[in-house]
PDB file of all heavy atoms in Angstrom:
ATOM      1  N   VAL A   1       0.866  -1.180   0.000  1.00  0.00           N
ATOM      2  CA  VAL A   1       0.000   0.000   0.000  1.00  0.00           C
ATOM      3  C   VAL A   1       0.902   1.229   0.000  1.00  0.00           C
ATOM      4  O   VAL A   1       1.812   1.347   0.834  1.00  0.00           O
ATOM      5  CB  VAL A   1      -0.925   0.041   1.233  1.00  0.00           C
ATOM      6  CG1 VAL A   1      -1.775   1.307   1.222  1.00  0.00           C
ATOM      7  CG2 VAL A   1      -1.812  -1.184   1.272  1.00  0.00           C
ATOM      8  N   GLY A   2       0.674   2.138  -0.948  1.00  0.00           N
ATOM      9  CA  GLY A   2       1.475   3.345  -1.017  1.00  0.00           C
ATOM     10  C   GLY A   2       1.123   4.338   0.064  1.00  0.00           C
ATOM     11  O   GLY A   2       0.114   4.205   0.762  1.00  0.00           O
ATOM     12  N   ARG A   3       1.958   5.371   0.186  1.00  0.00           N
ATOM     13  CA  ARG A   3       1.703   6.393   1.209  1.00  0.00           C
ATOM     14  C   ARG A   3       0.394   7.132   0.962  1.00  0.00           C
ATOM     15  O   ARG A   3      -0.217   7.662   1.884  1.00  0.00           O
ATOM     16  CB  ARG A   3       2.862   7.400   1.222  1.00  0.00           C
ATOM     17  CG  ARG A   3       4.181   6.819   1.712  1.00  0.00           C
ATOM     18  CD  ARG A   3       5.224   7.907   1.842  1.00  0.00           C
ATOM     19  NE  ARG A   3       5.379   8.645   0.589  1.00  0.00           N
ATOM     20  CZ  ARG A   3       6.020   9.805   0.491  1.00  0.00           C
ATOM     21  NH1 ARG A   3       6.532  10.376   1.566  1.00  0.00           N
ATOM     22  NH2 ARG A   3       6.145  10.403  -0.682  1.00  0.00           N
ATOM     23  N   SER A   4      -0.039   7.150  -0.298  1.00  0.00           N
ATOM     24  CA  SER A   4      -1.303   7.808  -0.627  1.00  0.00           C
ATOM     25  C   SER A   4      -2.505   6.953  -0.281  1.00  0.00           C
ATOM     26  O   SER A   4      -3.648   7.403  -0.377  1.00  0.00           O
ATOM     27  CB  SER A   4      -1.330   8.124  -2.129  1.00  0.00           C
ATOM     28  OG  SER A   4      -1.354   6.916  -2.883  1.00  0.00           O
ATOM     29  N   GLY A   5      -2.268   5.705   0.122  1.00  0.00           N
ATOM     30  CA  GLY A   5      -3.349   4.769   0.380  1.00  0.00           C
ATOM     31  C   GLY A   5      -3.690   3.916  -0.820  1.00  0.00           C
ATOM     32  O   GLY A   5      -4.567   3.048  -0.738  1.00  0.00           O
ATOM     33  N   GLU A   6      -2.993   4.145  -1.943  1.00  0.00           N
ATOM     34  CA  GLU A   6      -3.251   3.388  -3.162  1.00  0.00           C
ATOM     35  C   GLU A   6      -2.730   1.959  -3.032  1.00  0.00           C
ATOM     36  O   GLU A   6      -1.559   1.739  -2.703  1.00  0.00           O
ATOM     37  CB  GLU A   6      -2.553   4.072  -4.345  1.00  0.00           C
ATOM     38  CG  GLU A   6      -2.804   3.428  -5.689  1.00  0.00           C
ATOM     39  CD  GLU A   6      -4.136   3.836  -6.284  1.00  0.00           C
ATOM     40  OE1 GLU A   6      -4.909   4.545  -5.607  1.00  0.00           O
ATOM     41  OE2 GLU A   6      -4.394   3.442  -7.430  1.00  0.00           O
ATOM     42  N   PRO A   7      -3.559   0.938  -3.278  1.00  0.00           N
ATOM     43  CA  PRO A   7      -3.081  -0.435  -3.251  1.00  0.00           C
ATOM     44  C   PRO A   7      -2.081  -0.690  -4.389  1.00  0.00           C
ATOM     45  O   PRO A   7      -2.278  -0.227  -5.515  1.00  0.00           O
ATOM     46  CB  PRO A   7      -4.342  -1.273  -3.452  1.00  0.00           C
ATOM     47  CG  PRO A   7      -5.472  -0.360  -3.126  1.00  0.00           C
ATOM     48  CD  PRO A   7      -5.019   1.007  -3.514  1.00  0.00           C
ATOM     49  N   LEU A   8      -1.016  -1.391  -4.083  1.00  0.00           N
ATOM     50  CA  LEU A   8      -0.018  -1.779  -5.070  1.00  0.00           C
ATOM     51  C   LEU A   8      -0.119  -3.294  -5.221  1.00  0.00           C
ATOM     52  O   LEU A   8       0.568  -4.045  -4.521  1.00  0.00           O
ATOM     53  CB  LEU A   8       1.381  -1.353  -4.616  1.00  0.00           C
ATOM     54  CG  LEU A   8       1.530   0.134  -4.250  1.00  0.00           C
ATOM     55  CD1 LEU A   8       2.914   0.413  -3.673  1.00  0.00           C
ATOM     56  CD2 LEU A   8       1.258   1.019  -5.460  1.00  0.00           C
ATOM     57  N   VAL A   9      -0.993  -3.736  -6.102  1.00  0.00           N
ATOM     58  CA  VAL A   9      -1.330  -5.158  -6.155  1.00  0.00           C
ATOM     59  C   VAL A   9      -0.156  -6.027  -6.577  1.00  0.00           C
ATOM     60  O   VAL A   9      -0.152  -7.231  -6.313  1.00  0.00           O
ATOM     61  CB  VAL A   9      -2.528  -5.408  -7.098  1.00  0.00           C
ATOM     62  CG1 VAL A   9      -3.789  -4.755  -6.552  1.00  0.00           C
ATOM     63  CG2 VAL A   9      -2.225  -4.920  -8.512  1.00  0.00           C
ATOM     64  N   ASN A  10       0.843  -5.443  -7.244  1.00  0.00           N
ATOM     65  CA  ASN A  10       1.983  -6.234  -7.686  1.00  0.00           C
ATOM     66  C   ASN A  10       3.187  -6.108  -6.757  1.00  0.00           C
ATOM     67  O   ASN A  10       4.297  -6.500  -7.110  1.00  0.00           O
ATOM     68  CB  ASN A  10       2.392  -5.856  -9.109  1.00  0.00           C
ATOM     69  CG  ASN A  10       2.874  -4.422  -9.224  1.00  0.00           C
ATOM     70  OD1 ASN A  10       2.338  -3.535  -8.555  1.00  0.00           O
ATOM     71  ND2 ASN A  10       3.859  -4.190 -10.064  1.00  0.00           N
ATOM     72  N   VAL A  11       2.979  -5.538  -5.562  1.00  0.00           N
ATOM     73  CA  VAL A  11       4.016  -5.510  -4.536  1.00  0.00           C
ATOM     74  C   VAL A  11       3.594  -6.442  -3.410  1.00  0.00           C
ATOM     75  O   VAL A  11       2.486  -6.324  -2.883  1.00  0.00           O
ATOM     76  CB  VAL A  11       4.232  -4.084  -3.997  1.00  0.00           C
ATOM     77  CG1 VAL A  11       5.172  -4.092  -2.789  1.00  0.00           C
ATOM     78  CG2 VAL A  11       4.792  -3.179  -5.092  1.00  0.00           C
ATOM     79  N   VAL A  12       4.467  -7.383  -3.057  1.00  0.00           N
ATOM     80  CA  VAL A  12       4.153  -8.337  -1.992  1.00  0.00           C
ATOM     81  C   VAL A  12       5.206  -8.238  -0.897  1.00  0.00           C
ATOM     82  O   VAL A  12       6.385  -8.002  -1.160  1.00  0.00           O
ATOM     83  CB  VAL A  12       4.082  -9.789  -2.534  1.00  0.00           C
ATOM     84  CG1 VAL A  12       2.896  -9.952  -3.469  1.00  0.00           C
ATOM     85  CG2 VAL A  12       5.372 -10.190  -3.240  1.00  0.00           C
ATOM     86  N   VAL A  13       4.744  -8.391   0.334  1.00  0.00           N
ATOM     87  CA  VAL A  13       5.622  -8.347   1.497  1.00  0.00           C
ATOM     88  C   VAL A  13       5.388  -9.635   2.275  1.00  0.00           C
ATOM     89  O   VAL A  13       4.249  -9.930   2.667  1.00  0.00           O
ATOM     90  CB  VAL A  13       5.322  -7.127   2.387  1.00  0.00           C
ATOM     91  CG1 VAL A  13       6.275  -7.090   3.576  1.00  0.00           C
ATOM     92  CG2 VAL A  13       5.423  -5.832   1.576  1.00  0.00           C
ATOM     93  N   ASP A  14       6.455 -10.422   2.489  1.00  0.00           N
ATOM     94  CA  ASP A  14       6.273 -11.697   3.188  1.00  0.00           C
ATOM     95  C   ASP A  14       6.296 -11.488   4.701  1.00  0.00           C
ATOM     96  O   ASP A  14       6.453 -10.365   5.199  1.00  0.00           O
ATOM     97  CB  ASP A  14       7.308 -12.729   2.733  1.00  0.00           C
ATOM     98  CG  ASP A  14       8.732 -12.381   3.135  1.00  0.00           C
ATOM     99  OD1 ASP A  14       8.922 -11.531   4.034  1.00  0.00           O
ATOM    100  OD2 ASP A  14       9.666 -12.957   2.547  1.00  0.00           O
ATOM    101  N   ALA A  15       6.139 -12.577   5.420  1.00  0.00           N
ATOM    102  CA  ALA A  15       5.997 -12.496   6.878  1.00  0.00           C
ATOM    103  C   ALA A  15       7.233 -11.911   7.547  1.00  0.00           C
ATOM    104  O   ALA A  15       7.138 -11.309   8.625  1.00  0.00           O
ATOM    105  CB  ALA A  15       5.705 -13.886   7.438  1.00  0.00           C
ATOM    106  N   SER A  16       8.398 -12.073   6.938  1.00  0.00           N
ATOM    107  CA  SER A  16       9.631 -11.548   7.527  1.00  0.00           C
ATOM    108  C   SER A  16       9.903 -10.105   7.124  1.00  0.00           C
ATOM    109  O   SER A  16      10.894  -9.511   7.556  1.00  0.00           O
ATOM    110  CB  SER A  16      10.815 -12.422   7.120  1.00  0.00           C
ATOM    111  OG  SER A  16      11.011 -12.363   5.711  1.00  0.00           O
ATOM    112  N   GLY A  17       9.055  -9.537   6.274  1.00  0.00           N
ATOM    113  CA  GLY A  17       9.218  -8.155   5.855  1.00  0.00           C
ATOM    114  C   GLY A  17       9.921  -7.970   4.531  1.00  0.00           C
ATOM    115  O   GLY A  17      10.074  -6.835   4.061  1.00  0.00           O
ATOM    116  N   ARG A  18      10.363  -9.074   3.918  1.00  0.00           N
ATOM    117  CA  ARG A  18      11.020  -8.953   2.607  1.00  0.00           C
ATOM    118  C   ARG A  18       9.990  -8.590   1.543  1.00  0.00           C
ATOM    119  O   ARG A  18       8.897  -9.167   1.501  1.00  0.00           O
ATOM    120  CB  ARG A  18      11.731 -10.251   2.229  1.00  0.00           C
ATOM    121  CG  ARG A  18      12.968 -10.552   3.073  1.00  0.00           C
ATOM    122  CD  ARG A  18      13.726 -11.752   2.511  1.00  0.00           C
ATOM    123  NE  ARG A  18      12.922 -12.950   2.623  1.00  0.00           N
ATOM    124  CZ  ARG A  18      12.997 -13.814   3.639  1.00  0.00           C
ATOM    125  NH1 ARG A  18      13.840 -13.580   4.625  1.00  0.00           N
ATOM    126  NH2 ARG A  18      12.248 -14.885   3.670  1.00  0.00           N
ATOM    127  N   ALA A  19      10.359  -7.654   0.674  1.00  0.00           N
ATOM    128  CA  ALA A  19       9.414  -7.141  -0.324  1.00  0.00           C
ATOM    129  C   ALA A  19       9.875  -7.495  -1.734  1.00  0.00           C
ATOM    130  O   ALA A  19      11.075  -7.512  -2.027  1.00  0.00           O
ATOM    131  CB  ALA A  19       9.267  -5.631  -0.196  1.00  0.00           C
ATOM    132  N   GLN A  20       8.897  -7.788  -2.584  1.00  0.00           N
ATOM    133  CA  GLN A  20       9.164  -8.072  -3.991  1.00  0.00           C
ATOM    134  C   GLN A  20       8.125  -7.356  -4.855  1.00  0.00           C
ATOM    135  O   GLN A  20       7.008  -7.084  -4.427  1.00  0.00           O
ATOM    136  CB  GLN A  20       9.083  -9.584  -4.271  1.00  0.00           C
ATOM    137  CG  GLN A  20      10.179 -10.418  -3.639  1.00  0.00           C
ATOM    138  CD  GLN A  20      10.017 -11.893  -3.996  1.00  0.00           C
ATOM    139  OE1 GLN A  20       8.931 -12.443  -3.859  1.00  0.00           O
ATOM    140  NE2 GLN A  20      11.083 -12.508  -4.468  1.00  0.00           N
ATOM    141  N   MET A  21       8.547  -7.067  -6.089  1.00  0.00           N
ATOM    142  CA  MET A  21       7.618  -6.557  -7.088  1.00  0.00           C
ATOM    143  C   MET A  21       7.383  -7.648  -8.123  1.00  0.00           C
ATOM    144  O   MET A  21       8.331  -8.319  -8.555  1.00  0.00           O
ATOM    145  CB  MET A  21       8.159  -5.309  -7.784  1.00  0.00           C
ATOM    146  CG  MET A  21       7.351  -4.898  -9.005  1.00  0.00           C
ATOM    147  SD  MET A  21       8.020  -3.454  -9.855  1.00  0.00           S
ATOM    148  CE  MET A  21       7.407  -2.169  -8.777  1.00  0.00           C
ATOM    149  N   ILE A  22       6.129  -7.826  -8.513  1.00  0.00           N
ATOM    150  CA  ILE A  22       5.782  -8.776  -9.571  1.00  0.00           C
ATOM    151  C   ILE A  22       5.569  -7.988 -10.858  1.00  0.00           C
ATOM    152  O   ILE A  22       4.700  -7.105 -10.920  1.00  0.00           O
ATOM    153  CB  ILE A  22       4.507  -9.558  -9.233  1.00  0.00           C
ATOM    154  CG1 ILE A  22       4.639 -10.240  -7.874  1.00  0.00           C
ATOM    155  CG2 ILE A  22       4.197 -10.588 -10.317  1.00  0.00           C
ATOM    156  CD1 ILE A  22       3.355 -10.888  -7.396  1.00  0.00           C
ATOM    157  N   ARG A  23       6.360  -8.250 -11.863  1.00  0.00           N
ATOM    158  CA  ARG A  23       6.182  -7.545 -13.128  1.00  0.00           C
ATOM    159  C   ARG A  23       4.842  -7.957 -13.737  1.00  0.00           C
ATOM    160  O   ARG A  23       4.547  -9.151 -13.902  1.00  0.00           O
ATOM    161  CB  ARG A  23       7.320  -7.867 -14.091  1.00  0.00           C
ATOM    162  CG  ARG A  23       8.650  -7.237 -13.691  1.00  0.00           C
ATOM    163  CD  ARG A  23       9.677  -7.411 -14.779  1.00  0.00           C
ATOM    164  NE  ARG A  23       9.184  -6.847 -16.032  1.00  0.00           N
ATOM    165  CZ  ARG A  23       9.720  -7.127 -17.221  1.00  0.00           C
ATOM    166  NH1 ARG A  23      10.737  -7.981 -17.306  1.00  0.00           N
ATOM    167  NH2 ARG A  23       9.232  -6.584 -18.306  1.00  0.00           N
ATOM    168  N   LYS A  24       4.020  -6.962 -14.060  1.00  0.00           N
ATOM    169  CA  LYS A  24       2.651  -7.237 -14.476  1.00  0.00           C
ATOM    170  C   LYS A  24       2.579  -7.940 -15.827  1.00  0.00           C
ATOM    171  O   LYS A  24       1.643  -8.709 -16.077  1.00  0.00           O
ATOM    172  CB  LYS A  24       1.858  -5.929 -14.522  1.00  0.00           C
ATOM    173  CG  LYS A  24       1.652  -5.304 -13.146  1.00  0.00           C
ATOM    174  CD  LYS A  24       0.936  -3.972 -13.228  1.00  0.00           C
ATOM    175  CE  LYS A  24       0.747  -3.344 -11.862  1.00  0.00           C
ATOM    176  NZ  LYS A  24       0.133  -2.000 -11.928  1.00  0.00           N
ATOM    177  N   ARG A  25       3.522  -7.677 -16.698  1.00  0.00           N
ATOM    178  CA  ARG A  25       3.456  -8.272 -18.032  1.00  0.00           C
ATOM    179  C   ARG A  25       4.002  -9.688 -18.067  1.00  0.00           C
ATOM    180  O   ARG A  25       3.522 -10.534 -18.829  1.00  0.00           O
ATOM    181  CB  ARG A  25       4.218  -7.391 -19.033  1.00  0.00           C
ATOM    182  CG  ARG A  25       4.125  -7.830 -20.485  1.00  0.00           C
ATOM    183  CD  ARG A  25       4.656  -6.761 -21.412  1.00  0.00           C
ATOM    184  NE  ARG A  25       6.018  -6.391 -21.093  1.00  0.00           N
ATOM    185  CZ  ARG A  25       7.100  -7.023 -21.566  1.00  0.00           C
ATOM    186  NH1 ARG A  25       6.971  -8.053 -22.381  1.00  0.00           N
ATOM    187  NH2 ARG A  25       8.314  -6.628 -21.238  1.00  0.00           N
ATOM    188  N   THR A  26       5.005  -9.971 -17.228  1.00  0.00           N
ATOM    189  CA  THR A  26       5.671 -11.268 -17.303  1.00  0.00           C
ATOM    190  C   THR A  26       5.474 -12.142 -16.072  1.00  0.00           C
ATOM    191  O   THR A  26       5.693 -13.355 -16.137  1.00  0.00           O
ATOM    192  CB  THR A  26       7.183 -11.070 -17.509  1.00  0.00           C
ATOM    193  OG1 THR A  26       7.741 -10.454 -16.334  1.00  0.00           O
ATOM    194  CG2 THR A  26       7.458 -10.207 -18.729  1.00  0.00           C
ATOM    195  N   GLY A  27       5.102 -11.556 -14.929  1.00  0.00           N
ATOM    196  CA  GLY A  27       4.989 -12.329 -13.698  1.00  0.00           C
ATOM    197  C   GLY A  27       6.311 -12.518 -12.982  1.00  0.00           C
ATOM    198  O   GLY A  27       6.350 -13.141 -11.910  1.00  0.00           O
ATOM    199  N   GLN A  28       7.401 -11.993 -13.540  1.00  0.00           N
ATOM    200  CA  GLN A  28       8.711 -12.133 -12.910  1.00  0.00           C
ATOM    201  C   GLN A  28       8.736 -11.386 -11.580  1.00  0.00           C
ATOM    202  O   GLN A  28       8.195 -10.296 -11.450  1.00  0.00           O
ATOM    203  CB  GLN A  28       9.792 -11.560 -13.831  1.00  0.00           C
ATOM    204  CG  GLN A  28      11.196 -11.574 -13.229  1.00  0.00           C
ATOM    205  CD  GLN A  28      12.191 -10.783 -14.067  1.00  0.00           C
ATOM    206  OE1 GLN A  28      11.802 -10.027 -14.957  1.00  0.00           O
ATOM    207  NE2 GLN A  28      13.472 -10.953 -13.793  1.00  0.00           N
ATOM    208  N   ARG A  29       9.369 -12.005 -10.579  1.00  0.00           N
ATOM    209  CA  ARG A  29       9.483 -11.388  -9.259  1.00  0.00           C
ATOM    210  C   ARG A  29      10.856 -10.730  -9.112  1.00  0.00           C
ATOM    211  O   ARG A  29      11.879 -11.347  -9.388  1.00  0.00           O
ATOM    212  CB  ARG A  29       9.265 -12.413  -8.157  1.00  0.00           C
ATOM    213  CG  ARG A  29       7.804 -12.851  -8.043  1.00  0.00           C
ATOM    214  CD  ARG A  29       7.562 -13.666  -6.796  1.00  0.00           C
ATOM    215  NE  ARG A  29       6.140 -13.882  -6.563  1.00  0.00           N
ATOM    216  CZ  ARG A  29       5.558 -13.851  -5.370  1.00  0.00           C
ATOM    217  NH1 ARG A  29       6.284 -13.614  -4.294  1.00  0.00           N
ATOM    218  NH2 ARG A  29       4.271 -14.067  -5.243  1.00  0.00           N
ATOM    219  N   LEU A  30      10.851  -9.461  -8.668  1.00  0.00           N
ATOM    220  CA  LEU A  30      12.079  -8.700  -8.475  1.00  0.00           C
ATOM    221  C   LEU A  30      12.178  -8.275  -7.017  1.00  0.00           C
ATOM    222  O   LEU A  30      11.212  -7.773  -6.442  1.00  0.00           O
ATOM    223  CB  LEU A  30      12.095  -7.457  -9.370  1.00  0.00           C
ATOM    224  CG  LEU A  30      11.948  -7.679 -10.875  1.00  0.00           C
ATOM    225  CD1 LEU A  30      11.833  -6.334 -11.583  1.00  0.00           C
ATOM    226  CD2 LEU A  30      13.136  -8.464 -11.414  1.00  0.00           C
ATOM    227  N   LYS A  31      13.345  -8.449  -6.422  1.00  0.00           N
ATOM    228  CA  LYS A  31      13.565  -8.035  -5.042  1.00  0.00           C
ATOM    229  C   LYS A  31      13.582  -6.511  -4.980  1.00  0.00           C
ATOM    230  O   LYS A  31      14.218  -5.846  -5.794  1.00  0.00           O
ATOM    231  CB  LYS A  31      14.884  -8.589  -4.523  1.00  0.00           C
ATOM    232  CG  LYS A  31      15.189  -8.194  -3.078  1.00  0.00           C
ATOM    233  CD  LYS A  31      16.539  -8.747  -2.634  1.00  0.00           C
ATOM    234  CE  LYS A  31      16.861  -8.308  -1.219  1.00  0.00           C
ATOM    235  NZ  LYS A  31      18.202  -8.814  -0.789  1.00  0.00           N
ATOM    236  N   LEU A  32      12.867  -5.953  -4.024  1.00  0.00           N
ATOM    237  CA  LEU A  32      12.841  -4.502  -3.840  1.00  0.00           C
ATOM    238  C   LEU A  32      13.900  -4.101  -2.816  1.00  0.00           C
ATOM    239  O   LEU A  32      13.867  -4.546  -1.670  1.00  0.00           O
ATOM    240  CB  LEU A  32      11.458  -4.051  -3.374  1.00  0.00           C
ATOM    241  CG  LEU A  32      10.341  -4.194  -4.419  1.00  0.00           C
ATOM    242  CD1 LEU A  32       9.002  -3.823  -3.820  1.00  0.00           C
ATOM    243  CD2 LEU A  32      10.631  -3.327  -5.636  1.00  0.00           C
ATOM    244  N   GLN A  33      14.817  -3.265  -3.257  1.00  0.00           N
ATOM    245  CA  GLN A  33      15.915  -2.848  -2.400  1.00  0.00           C
ATOM    246  C   GLN A  33      15.497  -1.658  -1.531  1.00  0.00           C
ATOM    247  O   GLN A  33      14.792  -0.763  -1.992  1.00  0.00           O
ATOM    248  CB  GLN A  33      17.117  -2.438  -3.257  1.00  0.00           C
ATOM    249  CG  GLN A  33      17.649  -3.525  -4.160  1.00  0.00           C
ATOM    250  CD  GLN A  33      18.390  -4.608  -3.397  1.00  0.00           C
ATOM    251  OE1 GLN A  33      18.607  -4.491  -2.188  1.00  0.00           O
ATOM    252  NE2 GLN A  33      18.768  -5.662  -4.084  1.00  0.00           N
ATOM    253  N   PRO A  34      15.926  -1.633  -0.269  1.00  0.00           N
ATOM    254  CA  PRO A  34      15.667  -0.439   0.551  1.00  0.00           C
ATOM    255  C   PRO A  34      16.547   0.712   0.084  1.00  0.00           C
ATOM    256  O   PRO A  34      17.549   0.508  -0.613  1.00  0.00           O
ATOM    257  CB  PRO A  34      16.057  -0.895   1.952  1.00  0.00           C
ATOM    258  CG  PRO A  34      17.078  -1.961   1.725  1.00  0.00           C
ATOM    259  CD  PRO A  34      16.661  -2.673   0.464  1.00  0.00           C
ATOM    260  N   MET A  35      16.172   1.926   0.436  1.00  0.00           N
ATOM    261  CA  MET A  35      17.014   3.067   0.086  1.00  0.00           C
ATOM    262  C   MET A  35      18.315   2.999   0.871  1.00  0.00           C
ATOM    263  O   MET A  35      18.385   2.381   1.947  1.00  0.00           O
ATOM    264  CB  MET A  35      16.284   4.378   0.361  1.00  0.00           C
ATOM    265  CG  MET A  35      15.923   4.628   1.796  1.00  0.00           C
ATOM    266  SD  MET A  35      15.116   6.243   2.073  1.00  0.00           S
ATOM    267  CE  MET A  35      13.539   5.992   1.258  1.00  0.00           C
ATOM    268  N   ALA A  36      19.358   3.608   0.329  1.00  0.00           N
ATOM    269  CA  ALA A  36      20.644   3.648   1.014  1.00  0.00           C
ATOM    270  C   ALA A  36      20.527   4.467   2.294  1.00  0.00           C
ATOM    271  O   ALA A  36      19.680   5.366   2.406  1.00  0.00           O
ATOM    272  CB  ALA A  36      21.709   4.242   0.102  1.00  0.00           C
ATOM    273  N   ALA A  37      21.392   4.181   3.262  1.00  0.00           N
ATOM    274  CA  ALA A  37      21.345   4.884   4.549  1.00  0.00           C
ATOM    275  C   ALA A  37      21.493   6.389   4.371  1.00  0.00           C
ATOM    276  O   ALA A  37      20.835   7.176   5.054  1.00  0.00           O
ATOM    277  CB  ALA A  37      22.428   4.342   5.474  1.00  0.00           C
ATOM    278  N   VAL A  38      22.335   6.804   3.421  1.00  0.00           N
ATOM    279  CA  VAL A  38      22.555   8.233   3.215  1.00  0.00           C
ATOM    280  C   VAL A  38      21.296   8.925   2.719  1.00  0.00           C
ATOM    281  O   VAL A  38      21.080  10.112   2.973  1.00  0.00           O
ATOM    282  CB  VAL A  38      23.727   8.449   2.226  1.00  0.00           C
ATOM    283  CG1 VAL A  38      23.359   7.958   0.833  1.00  0.00           C
ATOM    284  CG2 VAL A  38      24.145   9.908   2.188  1.00  0.00           C
ATOM    285  N   CYS A  39      20.429   8.168   2.042  1.00  0.00           N
ATOM    286  CA  CYS A  39      19.179   8.759   1.538  1.00  0.00           C
ATOM    287  C   CYS A  39      18.193   9.052   2.662  1.00  0.00           C
ATOM    288  O   CYS A  39      17.271   9.863   2.479  1.00  0.00           O
ATOM    289  CB  CYS A  39      18.523   7.822   0.525  1.00  0.00           C
ATOM    290  SG  CYS A  39      19.485   7.569  -0.980  1.00  0.00           S
ATOM    291  N   ALA A  40      18.355   8.387   3.785  1.00  0.00           N
ATOM    292  CA  ALA A  40      17.411   8.542   4.892  1.00  0.00           C
ATOM    293  C   ALA A  40      17.893   9.559   5.917  1.00  0.00           C
ATOM    294  O   ALA A  40      17.235   9.767   6.939  1.00  0.00           O
ATOM    295  CB  ALA A  40      17.188   7.197   5.577  1.00  0.00           C
ATOM    296  N   GLU A  41      19.037  10.188   5.657  1.00  0.00           N
ATOM    297  CA  GLU A  41      19.533  11.195   6.592  1.00  0.00           C
ATOM    298  C   GLU A  41      18.677  12.452   6.531  1.00  0.00           C
ATOM    299  O   GLU A  41      18.174  12.828   5.477  1.00  0.00           O
ATOM    300  CB  GLU A  41      20.984  11.558   6.254  1.00  0.00           C
ATOM    301  CG  GLU A  41      21.986  10.471   6.573  1.00  0.00           C
ATOM    302  CD  GLU A  41      23.407  10.913   6.295  1.00  0.00           C
ATOM    303  OE1 GLU A  41      23.597  11.890   5.542  1.00  0.00           O
ATOM    304  OE2 GLU A  41      24.322  10.281   6.833  1.00  0.00           O
ATOM    305  N   ASP A  42      18.535  13.086   7.657  1.00  0.00           N
ATOM    306  CA  ASP A  42      17.807  14.346   7.707  1.00  0.00           C
ATOM    307  C   ASP A  42      18.809  15.499   7.647  1.00  0.00           C
ATOM    308  O   ASP A  42      19.672  15.520   6.801  1.00  0.00           O
ATOM    309  CB  ASP A  42      16.933  14.400   8.959  1.00  0.00           C
ATOM    310  CG  ASP A  42      15.800  13.389   8.898  1.00  0.00           C
ATOM    311  OD1 ASP A  42      15.285  13.177   7.792  1.00  0.00           O
ATOM    312  OD2 ASP A  42      15.447  12.818   9.944  1.00  0.00           O
ATOM    313  N   GLY A  43      18.724  16.439   8.552  1.00  0.00           N
ATOM    314  CA  GLY A  43      19.668  17.547   8.531  1.00  0.00           C
ATOM    315  C   GLY A  43      19.526  18.375   7.268  1.00  0.00           C
ATOM    316  O   GLY A  43      18.421  18.718   6.841  1.00  0.00           O
ATOM    317  N   GLY A  44      20.642  18.688   6.631  1.00  0.00           N
ATOM    318  CA  GLY A  44      20.650  19.564   5.473  1.00  0.00           C
ATOM    319  C   GLY A  44      19.947  19.018   4.253  1.00  0.00           C
ATOM    320  O   GLY A  44      19.632  19.772   3.332  1.00  0.00           O
TER     321      GLY A  44
END
């Protein structure tokens, strides 16, 4: 579910919190990477 509340039907999150995207055209599953630590810094 996106921050806007929009359902993301091709994004799945398993019980351990690992997330994958399912490509809608092919069904291929891709691992979703978290953002880098530097991207989550606040400050400047």
